[in-house]
N, C-alpha and C. Protein backbone atom coordinates (compact mmCIF):
# COMPACT_ATOMS: atom_id res chain seq x y z
N MET A 1 88.82 121.57 193.57
CA MET A 1 88.75 120.96 194.88
C MET A 1 87.44 121.38 195.55
N ALA A 2 86.78 120.44 196.18
CA ALA A 2 85.53 120.74 196.89
C ALA A 2 85.78 120.67 198.40
N TYR A 3 85.09 121.49 199.11
CA TYR A 3 85.17 121.52 200.57
C TYR A 3 83.83 121.08 201.12
N LEU A 4 83.86 120.24 202.15
CA LEU A 4 82.64 119.71 202.73
C LEU A 4 82.43 120.31 204.12
N LEU A 5 81.24 120.89 204.31
CA LEU A 5 80.83 121.37 205.63
C LEU A 5 79.53 120.65 205.98
N LYS A 6 79.57 119.82 207.01
CA LYS A 6 78.38 119.09 207.46
C LYS A 6 77.74 119.88 208.59
N LEU A 7 76.51 120.31 208.37
CA LEU A 7 75.83 121.12 209.37
C LEU A 7 74.58 120.42 209.89
N THR A 8 74.34 120.61 211.17
CA THR A 8 73.15 120.06 211.82
C THR A 8 72.06 121.13 211.86
N SER A 9 70.87 120.73 212.26
CA SER A 9 69.79 121.72 212.40
C SER A 9 70.13 122.72 213.50
N ASP A 10 70.82 122.29 214.55
CA ASP A 10 71.25 123.23 215.59
C ASP A 10 72.25 124.24 215.05
N ASP A 11 73.11 123.80 214.15
CA ASP A 11 74.07 124.72 213.53
C ASP A 11 73.33 125.83 212.77
N MET A 12 72.35 125.42 211.99
CA MET A 12 71.61 126.40 211.19
C MET A 12 70.77 127.32 212.09
N LYS A 13 70.22 126.77 213.17
CA LYS A 13 69.46 127.60 214.11
C LYS A 13 70.37 128.68 214.71
N ALA A 14 71.59 128.30 215.06
CA ALA A 14 72.54 129.26 215.63
C ALA A 14 72.87 130.35 214.62
N ALA A 15 73.16 129.97 213.39
CA ALA A 15 73.49 130.95 212.35
C ALA A 15 72.30 131.87 212.08
N ASN A 16 71.12 131.31 212.01
CA ASN A 16 69.93 132.12 211.75
C ASN A 16 69.61 133.04 212.92
N PHE A 17 69.89 132.60 214.15
CA PHE A 17 69.66 133.44 215.33
C PHE A 17 70.57 134.67 215.29
N VAL A 18 71.83 134.46 214.95
CA VAL A 18 72.77 135.58 214.87
C VAL A 18 72.43 136.46 213.67
N GLY A 19 71.94 135.85 212.61
CA GLY A 19 71.43 136.59 211.46
C GLY A 19 72.48 137.43 210.75
N HIS A 20 72.11 138.66 210.45
CA HIS A 20 72.96 139.55 209.65
C HIS A 20 73.94 140.37 210.49
N ARG A 21 74.09 140.02 211.75
CA ARG A 21 74.97 140.79 212.63
C ARG A 21 76.44 140.64 212.26
N TYR A 22 76.82 139.46 211.76
CA TYR A 22 78.23 139.18 211.46
C TYR A 22 78.34 138.48 210.12
N GLY A 23 79.54 138.58 209.54
CA GLY A 23 79.78 137.97 208.25
C GLY A 23 79.60 136.47 208.24
N TRP A 24 80.10 135.80 209.29
CA TRP A 24 80.00 134.34 209.30
C TRP A 24 78.56 133.87 209.28
N SER A 25 77.72 134.48 210.11
CA SER A 25 76.33 134.03 210.20
C SER A 25 75.52 134.43 208.98
N ASP A 26 75.82 135.59 208.44
CA ASP A 26 75.13 136.04 207.24
C ASP A 26 75.40 135.09 206.08
N TRP A 27 76.67 134.73 205.89
CA TRP A 27 77.04 133.85 204.79
C TRP A 27 76.48 132.44 204.99
N VAL A 28 76.62 131.91 206.19
CA VAL A 28 76.13 130.55 206.46
C VAL A 28 74.62 130.49 206.24
N SER A 29 73.88 131.46 206.79
CA SER A 29 72.42 131.47 206.65
C SER A 29 71.98 131.55 205.19
N ALA A 30 72.70 132.33 204.41
CA ALA A 30 72.31 132.55 203.02
C ALA A 30 72.74 131.45 202.06
N ASN A 31 73.78 130.70 202.43
CA ASN A 31 74.38 129.79 201.45
C ASN A 31 74.44 128.32 201.82
N LEU A 32 74.21 127.99 203.08
CA LEU A 32 74.33 126.60 203.50
C LEU A 32 73.01 126.07 204.03
N THR A 33 72.92 124.75 204.12
CA THR A 33 71.72 124.09 204.60
C THR A 33 72.10 122.98 205.58
N VAL A 34 71.11 122.40 206.20
CA VAL A 34 71.34 121.24 207.06
C VAL A 34 71.82 120.09 206.18
N GLY A 35 72.84 119.39 206.64
CA GLY A 35 73.37 118.25 205.89
C GLY A 35 74.72 118.55 205.29
N ASP A 36 75.04 117.86 204.22
CA ASP A 36 76.33 118.01 203.54
C ASP A 36 76.29 119.19 202.59
N ASN A 37 77.25 120.09 202.76
CA ASN A 37 77.39 121.25 201.88
C ASN A 37 78.76 121.18 201.22
N PHE A 38 78.76 121.01 199.91
CA PHE A 38 80.00 120.96 199.15
C PHE A 38 80.25 122.33 198.53
N LEU A 39 81.40 122.92 198.86
CA LEU A 39 81.75 124.24 198.34
C LEU A 39 82.84 124.10 197.30
N CYS A 40 82.66 124.80 196.19
CA CYS A 40 83.73 124.86 195.20
C CYS A 40 84.80 125.83 195.74
N GLU A 41 85.91 125.90 195.05
CA GLU A 41 87.03 126.74 195.48
C GLU A 41 86.60 128.20 195.67
N ALA A 42 85.86 128.75 194.72
CA ALA A 42 85.43 130.15 194.81
C ALA A 42 84.52 130.39 196.01
N GLU A 43 83.60 129.46 196.27
CA GLU A 43 82.71 129.59 197.43
C GLU A 43 83.50 129.49 198.73
N ALA A 44 84.48 128.61 198.76
CA ALA A 44 85.30 128.45 199.95
C ALA A 44 86.06 129.72 200.28
N TRP A 45 86.64 130.34 199.27
CA TRP A 45 87.39 131.58 199.52
C TRP A 45 86.44 132.72 199.88
N ASP A 46 85.26 132.72 199.33
CA ASP A 46 84.25 133.73 199.68
C ASP A 46 83.87 133.60 201.16
N LEU A 47 83.59 132.38 201.60
CA LEU A 47 83.27 132.14 203.00
C LEU A 47 84.44 132.54 203.89
N ALA A 48 85.64 132.17 203.50
CA ALA A 48 86.82 132.51 204.30
C ALA A 48 86.96 134.03 204.48
N GLU A 49 86.67 134.79 203.43
CA GLU A 49 86.73 136.25 203.54
C GLU A 49 85.72 136.77 204.56
N TYR A 50 84.52 136.22 204.55
CA TYR A 50 83.50 136.63 205.52
C TYR A 50 83.95 136.27 206.94
N LEU A 51 84.49 135.07 207.12
CA LEU A 51 84.93 134.64 208.44
C LEU A 51 86.05 135.52 208.96
N GLU A 52 86.99 135.83 208.10
CA GLU A 52 88.13 136.64 208.51
C GLU A 52 87.77 138.10 208.73
N SER A 53 86.76 138.59 208.03
CA SER A 53 86.37 139.99 208.20
C SER A 53 85.86 140.26 209.62
N ASP A 54 85.25 139.25 210.23
CA ASP A 54 84.77 139.41 211.60
C ASP A 54 85.90 139.56 212.61
N ALA A 55 87.07 139.03 212.27
CA ALA A 55 88.20 139.03 213.19
C ALA A 55 89.16 140.21 212.96
N GLU A 56 88.85 141.08 212.00
CA GLU A 56 89.71 142.23 211.74
C GLU A 56 89.84 143.09 212.99
N GLY A 57 91.01 143.63 213.16
CA GLY A 57 91.25 144.50 214.31
C GLY A 57 91.46 143.74 215.60
N GLY A 58 91.73 142.44 215.51
CA GLY A 58 92.01 141.65 216.70
C GLY A 58 90.80 141.07 217.38
N HIS A 59 89.64 141.14 216.73
CA HIS A 59 88.43 140.56 217.32
C HIS A 59 88.45 139.04 217.20
N SER A 60 87.62 138.39 217.98
CA SER A 60 87.53 136.93 217.96
C SER A 60 86.80 136.46 216.70
N TYR A 61 87.15 135.27 216.27
CA TYR A 61 86.42 134.64 215.18
C TYR A 61 85.06 134.19 215.66
N PHE A 62 84.10 134.20 214.79
CA PHE A 62 82.75 133.69 215.02
C PHE A 62 82.05 134.33 216.22
N PRO A 63 81.91 135.66 216.23
CA PRO A 63 81.23 136.33 217.34
C PRO A 63 79.83 135.75 217.57
N MET A 64 79.45 135.69 218.82
CA MET A 64 78.15 135.20 219.29
C MET A 64 77.98 133.69 219.11
N LEU A 65 79.02 132.99 218.76
CA LEU A 65 78.94 131.53 218.59
C LEU A 65 79.72 130.86 219.71
N SER A 66 79.09 129.95 220.41
CA SER A 66 79.75 129.24 221.50
C SER A 66 80.92 128.42 220.97
N SER A 67 82.05 128.54 221.64
CA SER A 67 83.22 127.76 221.24
C SER A 67 83.03 126.27 221.52
N GLU A 68 81.98 125.92 222.22
CA GLU A 68 81.66 124.52 222.51
C GLU A 68 80.73 123.91 221.46
N SER A 69 80.26 124.71 220.52
CA SER A 69 79.27 124.22 219.55
C SER A 69 79.91 123.47 218.39
N ASN A 70 79.10 122.63 217.76
CA ASN A 70 79.54 121.91 216.56
C ASN A 70 79.86 122.89 215.43
N LEU A 71 79.06 123.92 215.28
CA LEU A 71 79.28 124.88 214.20
C LEU A 71 80.62 125.59 214.37
N TYR A 72 80.97 125.93 215.59
CA TYR A 72 82.28 126.55 215.85
C TYR A 72 83.39 125.60 215.40
N ARG A 73 83.24 124.32 215.74
CA ARG A 73 84.23 123.32 215.34
C ARG A 73 84.32 123.21 213.82
N VAL A 74 83.16 123.14 213.16
CA VAL A 74 83.13 122.99 211.70
C VAL A 74 83.78 124.20 211.02
N LEU A 75 83.41 125.41 211.45
CA LEU A 75 83.96 126.61 210.83
C LEU A 75 85.45 126.77 211.12
N SER A 76 85.86 126.43 212.34
CA SER A 76 87.29 126.50 212.69
C SER A 76 88.10 125.52 211.86
N GLN A 77 87.59 124.31 211.74
CA GLN A 77 88.30 123.31 210.95
C GLN A 77 88.39 123.76 209.50
N PHE A 78 87.31 124.27 208.97
CA PHE A 78 87.32 124.76 207.59
C PHE A 78 88.35 125.87 207.41
N LEU A 79 88.32 126.87 208.27
CA LEU A 79 89.17 128.05 208.10
C LEU A 79 90.63 127.77 208.40
N PHE A 80 90.89 127.03 209.46
CA PHE A 80 92.28 126.87 209.91
C PHE A 80 92.95 125.60 209.44
N GLU A 81 92.21 124.62 208.96
CA GLU A 81 92.82 123.39 208.50
C GLU A 81 92.65 123.14 207.01
N GLU A 82 91.47 123.39 206.49
CA GLU A 82 91.17 123.09 205.09
C GLU A 82 91.85 124.06 204.12
N LEU A 83 91.89 125.33 204.47
CA LEU A 83 92.36 126.33 203.51
C LEU A 83 93.82 126.68 203.62
N VAL A 84 94.55 125.99 204.45
CA VAL A 84 95.96 126.34 204.62
C VAL A 84 96.80 125.76 203.51
């Protein structure tokens, strides 16, 4: 099964701005690009682990990312809808 994450240039700018501070931004910056990103099952679970590691201990998902942004929507949809 492949997972699709469509990212805009603003999405990538946000991830690159946050940089290596958090798992979500580190993984997105290193592995995704502007446009359509198709993830295989192993890549999807790898990304999910990074996303969930940021929320350990009751912290919010996607630190430093505006909940109003497209990237927040894309990552939330991926984590909470695609992988269930």
